[in-house]
Amino acid sequence: ANMKATPELSTGWYQEIPEDVYHSWNIASNSRLTLIERSPLHLKWELDHPDEDETEALMIGAAVHCRVLTPHLFDRRYVQCPELDKRTKAGKEAWAKLIEENPGKVILRGSQWTDVLGMSDSLIKHEHVSMLLEAATEREVSGIWEDPETGLRCKMRADMFCDEFGAIVDIKTTRDASKRAFEKAILDLRYYRQGAMYLNGAKTLGKNVSSFAIVAVEKTAPYAVACYQLDPEYIEAGARELAPLMDLYAECERNDSWLGYDENLVNILPPEWLVKKIVKNMRGPNE
């Protein structure tokens, strides 16, 4: 199977595209570029075996996004499941009735419903976030653009565009939104590369944006919220890391060749701190 992007999707902005439809677009994204960094083989596997089962974390995150950004769609997409025991006959019948009465809706059980409402209320009531929501010119927009450097087709999904601040704002659910913990998340989960990619894509598609901000909300009570803006230097670092990955993706697509790890024998050197420790120990404590 050739990995060519879906031809019928033209470049530009798309409104109110459901999450699963967006994920099915066979185009380069920040998460796919993170996969290709591991190896093209890993990306190829992911593209050929799209994960049908959405994880609970993704489902909860999507529900929070929906209630905060597009509240008019929330009741159309989600329904609360009352506490019921599916092992009993009455419980089974109640569950079947709930499914029948809510075709196509996502059912949120007890604690899931509590967390979704808790997180979204925290966001809506937060002074800075409510100001951003007020200033949001567009919400939940998906974009497709062609990277001018590599010709690679890319996609993005922006939670909010705030034109007056020239900002893209992204909402993230997290275990710990404190500055120390979230700085680590920005690094580990490559949010700074997402920022670089989104700003680049938005500019390519004619948006006047210059900053990338993240609103982090904790997944458990008290659902604390923090707002962070990525420094231009951090965005620049993201852009530099993305460039070789974009080249690699474009090359793999052109040749339809998706290699794994290096097939040669790779020599591994000890880290410098270990070498220093060995040398120090050889000298003995008194030298």
Protein backbone atom coordinates (compact mmCIF):
# COMPACT_ATOMS: atom_id res chain seq x y z
CA ALA A 1 0.00 0.00 0.00
CA ASN A 2 1.36 3.36 -0.94
CA MET A 3 1.34 5.93 1.87
CA LYS A 4 0.16 8.79 -0.33
CA ALA A 5 -2.07 11.29 1.42
CA THR A 6 -5.79 11.17 0.73
CA PRO A 7 -6.09 13.03 -2.59
CA GLU A 8 -9.57 14.50 -2.15
CA LEU A 9 -8.50 16.66 0.80
CA SER A 10 -7.41 20.05 -0.48
CA THR A 11 -5.28 22.46 1.53
CA GLY A 12 -7.11 24.94 3.74
CA TRP A 13 -9.17 25.15 6.92
CA TYR A 14 -11.96 22.76 7.95
CA GLN A 15 -14.54 23.53 10.66
CA GLU A 16 -16.10 21.09 13.14
CA ILE A 17 -14.37 17.97 11.85
CA PRO A 18 -14.93 15.10 14.33
CA GLU A 19 -11.78 13.92 16.11
CA ASP A 20 -11.85 10.42 14.53
CA VAL A 21 -12.20 11.85 11.01
CA TYR A 22 -9.24 14.16 11.60
CA HIS A 23 -7.14 11.23 12.86
CA SER A 24 -8.00 9.22 9.76
CA TRP A 25 -6.46 11.85 7.45
CA ASN A 26 -3.36 10.12 6.13
CA ILE A 27 -1.08 13.15 6.34
CA ALA A 28 2.01 14.15 8.35
CA SER A 29 1.26 15.42 11.87
CA ASN A 30 3.34 16.27 14.92
CA SER A 31 2.64 12.88 16.53
CA ARG A 32 3.53 11.04 13.32
CA LEU A 33 6.80 12.95 13.07
CA THR A 34 7.57 11.87 16.66
CA LEU A 35 6.97 8.26 15.59
CA ILE A 36 9.21 8.54 12.53
CA GLU A 37 11.94 9.86 14.83
CA ARG A 38 11.96 6.41 16.42
CA SER A 39 12.01 4.79 12.97
CA PRO A 40 10.06 4.95 9.68
CA LEU A 41 9.08 1.32 10.27
CA HIS A 42 7.19 2.30 13.45
CA LEU A 43 5.30 5.01 11.59
CA LYS A 44 4.44 2.64 8.72
CA TRP A 45 3.03 0.12 11.20
CA GLU A 46 0.91 2.82 12.86
CA LEU A 47 -0.44 4.05 9.51
CA ASP A 48 -1.28 0.52 8.34
CA HIS A 49 -2.91 -0.44 11.66
CA PRO A 50 -4.91 2.56 12.83
CA ASP A 51 -5.89 2.06 16.45
CA GLU A 52 -9.64 1.48 16.44
CA ASP A 53 -9.93 1.50 20.22
CA GLU A 54 -9.65 5.01 21.50
CA THR A 55 -7.95 5.06 24.89
CA GLU A 56 -9.94 6.33 27.85
CA ALA A 57 -7.56 9.28 28.25
CA LEU A 58 -8.17 10.39 24.64
CA MET A 59 -11.92 10.01 25.02
CA ILE A 60 -11.99 12.10 28.23
CA GLY A 61 -9.73 14.72 26.64
CA ALA A 62 -12.00 14.98 23.59
CA ALA A 63 -15.08 15.35 25.83
CA VAL A 64 -13.44 18.18 27.81
CA HIS A 65 -12.48 19.93 24.56
CA CYS A 66 -16.03 19.58 23.29
CA ARG A 67 -17.68 20.97 26.43
CA VAL A 68 -15.28 23.93 26.66
CA LEU A 69 -14.79 24.83 22.99
CA THR A 70 -18.01 23.71 21.28
CA PRO A 71 -20.56 23.41 24.11
CA HIS A 72 -23.45 23.39 21.62
CA LEU A 73 -22.24 19.97 20.42
CA PHE A 74 -21.71 18.39 23.84
CA ASP A 75 -25.21 16.98 24.36
CA ARG A 76 -25.27 15.72 20.80
CA ARG A 77 -22.07 13.74 21.28
CA TYR A 78 -22.04 12.66 24.94
CA VAL A 79 -24.45 11.13 27.42
CA GLN A 80 -24.10 10.33 31.12
CA CYS A 81 -24.50 6.75 32.20
CA PRO A 82 -26.22 6.32 35.57
CA GLU A 83 -24.56 3.93 38.02
CA LEU A 84 -25.70 0.45 37.00
CA ASP A 85 -24.48 -3.09 37.50
CA LYS A 86 -24.15 -4.79 34.13
CA ARG A 87 -23.95 -8.19 35.84
CA THR A 88 -27.63 -7.99 36.79
CA LYS A 89 -30.56 -8.43 34.41
CA ALA A 90 -31.93 -4.97 35.24
CA GLY A 91 -28.48 -3.45 34.72
CA LYS A 92 -28.05 -5.15 31.34
CA GLU A 93 -31.49 -3.93 30.22
CA ALA A 94 -30.83 -0.35 31.39
CA TRP A 95 -27.49 -0.36 29.51
CA ALA A 96 -29.09 -1.68 26.31
CA LYS A 97 -31.82 0.98 26.57
CA LEU A 98 -29.23 3.74 27.05
CA ILE A 99 -27.37 2.64 23.90
CA GLU A 100 -30.59 2.35 21.91
CA GLU A 101 -31.82 5.80 22.95
CA ASN A 102 -28.47 7.48 22.24
CA PRO A 103 -27.28 6.20 18.84
CA GLY A 104 -23.74 7.26 17.97
CA LYS A 105 -23.16 9.01 21.30
CA VAL A 106 -20.20 8.42 23.58
CA ILE A 107 -21.35 7.11 26.95
CA LEU A 108 -19.50 8.52 29.96
CA ARG A 109 -19.72 6.45 33.12
CA GLY A 110 -19.81 7.77 36.71
CA SER A 111 -16.25 8.93 37.38
CA GLN A 112 -15.63 9.81 33.72
CA TRP A 113 -18.64 12.15 33.71
CA THR A 114 -17.53 13.72 37.03
CA ASP A 115 -14.00 14.32 35.70
CA VAL A 116 -15.16 15.77 32.37
CA LEU A 117 -17.49 18.21 34.13
CA GLY A 118 -14.88 18.99 36.79
CA MET A 119 -12.13 19.77 34.26
CA SER A 120 -14.32 21.76 31.90
CA ASP A 121 -15.88 23.80 34.77
CA SER A 122 -12.38 24.58 36.06
CA LEU A 123 -11.35 25.83 32.62
CA ILE A 124 -14.50 27.87 32.00
CA LYS A 125 -14.31 29.53 35.43
CA HIS A 126 -10.55 30.30 35.21
CA GLU A 127 -10.03 34.04 34.73
CA HIS A 128 -7.29 33.85 32.09
CA VAL A 129 -8.87 30.95 30.22
CA SER A 130 -12.29 32.59 30.09
CA MET A 131 -10.59 35.69 28.62
CA LEU A 132 -8.95 33.51 25.95
CA LEU A 133 -12.26 31.76 25.20
CA GLU A 134 -13.88 35.17 24.88
CA ALA A 135 -11.11 36.31 22.52
CA ALA A 136 -11.16 33.10 20.45
CA THR A 137 -11.95 33.99 16.84
CA GLU A 138 -12.08 30.32 15.87
CA ARG A 139 -12.30 27.07 17.82
CA GLU A 140 -11.53 23.45 16.97
CA VAL A 141 -10.32 24.13 13.44
CA SER A 142 -8.42 21.58 11.40
CA GLY A 143 -5.95 22.66 8.74
CA ILE A 144 -4.11 21.00 5.87
CA TRP A 145 -1.12 22.64 4.24
CA GLU A 146 1.81 21.79 2.04
CA ASP A 147 5.20 22.41 3.58
CA PRO A 148 7.05 24.81 1.23
CA GLU A 149 10.46 23.23 2.01
CA THR A 150 9.67 19.53 1.48
CA GLY A 151 6.33 19.50 -0.35
CA LEU A 152 5.04 17.30 2.49
CA ARG A 153 1.31 17.54 3.20
CA CYS A 154 0.74 18.28 6.89
CA LYS A 155 -2.23 18.62 9.21
CA MET A 156 -3.00 20.42 12.44
CA ARG A 157 -5.95 20.81 14.76
CA ALA A 158 -6.01 24.10 16.65
CA ASP A 159 -8.13 24.39 19.77
CA MET A 160 -8.30 28.19 19.58
CA PHE A 161 -7.08 31.02 17.40
CA CYS A 162 -6.99 34.32 19.30
CA ASP A 163 -6.36 36.86 16.54
CA GLU A 164 -5.95 39.89 18.80
CA PHE A 165 -3.07 38.15 20.63
CA GLY A 166 -1.72 36.49 17.47
CA ALA A 167 -1.88 33.24 19.40
CA ILE A 168 -2.72 29.59 18.95
CA VAL A 169 -4.00 28.19 22.26
CA ASP A 170 -3.98 24.47 23.00
CA ILE A 171 -5.80 22.75 25.86
CA LYS A 172 -4.02 19.78 27.43
CA THR A 173 -5.24 17.45 30.15
CA THR A 174 -2.38 16.38 32.41
CA ARG A 175 -1.61 14.57 35.64
CA ASP A 176 0.29 17.52 37.12
CA ALA A 177 0.01 21.08 35.78
CA SER A 178 2.60 22.63 38.12
CA LYS A 179 5.37 24.51 36.33
CA ARG A 180 8.08 22.01 37.29
CA ALA A 181 6.08 18.96 36.16
CA PHE A 182 4.66 20.57 33.03
CA GLU A 183 8.07 21.78 31.86
CA LYS A 184 9.04 18.12 31.79
CA ALA A 185 5.84 17.23 29.88
CA ILE A 186 6.55 19.93 27.27
CA LEU A 187 9.93 18.30 26.70
CA ASP A 188 8.90 14.63 26.90
CA LEU A 189 5.73 14.95 24.82
CA ARG A 190 7.34 17.33 22.28
CA TYR A 191 4.75 20.06 22.78
CA TYR A 192 7.37 22.62 21.68
CA ARG A 193 7.59 20.85 18.32
CA GLN A 194 3.81 20.86 18.05
CA GLY A 195 3.97 24.62 18.66
CA ALA A 196 6.54 25.10 15.91
CA MET A 197 4.57 22.95 13.47
CA TYR A 198 1.23 24.64 14.20
CA LEU A 199 2.64 28.16 13.90
CA ASN A 200 4.35 27.23 10.64
CA GLY A 201 1.16 25.63 9.26
CA ALA A 202 -1.07 28.51 10.31
CA LYS A 203 1.29 31.06 8.73
CA THR A 204 1.45 29.00 5.53
CA LEU A 205 -2.35 29.08 5.46
CA GLY A 206 -2.40 32.86 5.84
CA LYS A 207 -2.88 33.34 9.60
CA ASN A 208 -1.11 36.14 11.43
CA VAL A 209 0.13 34.19 14.46
CA SER A 210 3.35 34.38 16.43
CA SER A 211 2.80 32.65 19.78
CA PHE A 212 1.81 29.22 21.05
CA ALA A 213 0.16 28.94 24.45
CA ILE A 214 -0.91 25.88 26.41
CA VAL A 215 -3.70 25.71 28.96
CA ALA A 216 -3.04 22.72 31.21
CA VAL A 217 -5.81 21.21 33.35
CA GLU A 218 -5.30 18.40 35.86
CA LYS A 219 -7.26 15.19 35.30
CA THR A 220 -8.19 14.71 38.96
CA ALA A 221 -9.84 16.91 41.60
CA PRO A 222 -9.38 19.77 42.33
CA TYR A 223 -8.81 20.02 38.53
CA ALA A 224 -6.25 22.83 38.88
CA VAL A 225 -5.48 24.93 35.78
CA ALA A 226 -2.27 26.66 34.63
CA CYS A 227 -1.49 28.70 31.51
CA TYR A 228 1.90 28.59 29.81
CA GLN A 229 3.36 30.33 26.78
CA LEU A 230 6.30 28.80 24.93
CA ASP A 231 9.17 31.21 24.50
CA PRO A 232 10.13 32.00 20.84
CA GLU A 233 13.49 30.32 21.49
CA TYR A 234 11.70 27.10 22.43
CA ILE A 235 9.59 27.28 19.25
CA GLU A 236 12.77 27.85 17.21
CA ALA A 237 14.31 24.72 18.78
CA GLY A 238 11.16 22.81 17.80
CA ALA A 239 11.36 24.01 14.20
CA ARG A 240 15.02 22.92 13.97
CA GLU A 241 14.21 19.45 15.28
CA LEU A 242 11.26 19.09 12.90
CA ALA A 243 13.19 19.95 9.72
CA PRO A 244 15.17 16.67 9.37
CA LEU A 245 12.09 14.63 10.36
CA MET A 246 10.02 16.34 7.65
CA ASP A 247 12.77 15.56 5.14
CA LEU A 248 12.80 11.93 6.24
CA TYR A 249 8.98 11.61 6.05
CA ALA A 250 8.90 13.14 2.56
CA GLU A 251 11.69 10.82 1.40
CA CYS A 252 9.98 7.71 2.83
CA GLU A 253 6.74 8.72 1.11
CA ARG A 254 8.47 9.34 -2.24
CA ASN A 255 10.29 6.00 -2.24
CA ASP A 256 7.60 4.10 -0.32
CA SER A 257 10.47 2.73 1.76
CA TRP A 258 10.09 2.53 5.56
CA LEU A 259 13.23 1.28 7.27
CA GLY A 260 13.64 0.24 10.91
CA TYR A 261 16.79 0.71 12.98
CA ASP A 262 20.33 0.72 11.59
CA GLU A 263 21.07 -2.75 10.20
CA ASN A 264 24.80 -2.52 10.89
CA LEU A 265 26.56 -3.37 14.13
CA VAL A 266 26.50 -0.19 16.22
CA ASN A 267 29.36 0.53 18.62
CA ILE A 268 28.21 1.99 21.94
CA LEU A 269 30.53 4.24 23.94
CA PRO A 270 30.30 4.74 27.69
CA PRO A 271 28.91 8.11 28.81
CA GLU A 272 31.51 10.69 29.90
CA TRP A 273 30.41 10.68 33.54
CA LEU A 274 31.13 6.94 33.74
CA VAL A 275 34.59 7.34 32.18
CA LYS A 276 35.40 10.12 34.70
CA LYS A 277 34.18 7.96 37.58
CA ILE A 278 36.37 5.02 36.50
CA VAL A 279 39.45 7.25 36.11
CA LYS A 280 38.81 8.81 39.52
CA ASN A 281 38.48 5.39 41.17
CA MET A 282 41.69 4.13 39.52
CA ARG A 283 43.67 7.01 41.02
CA GLY A 284 42.50 6.12 44.47
CA PRO A 285 41.06 8.50 47.06
CA ASN A 286 44.41 10.00 48.25
CA GLU A 287 45.98 11.02 44.94
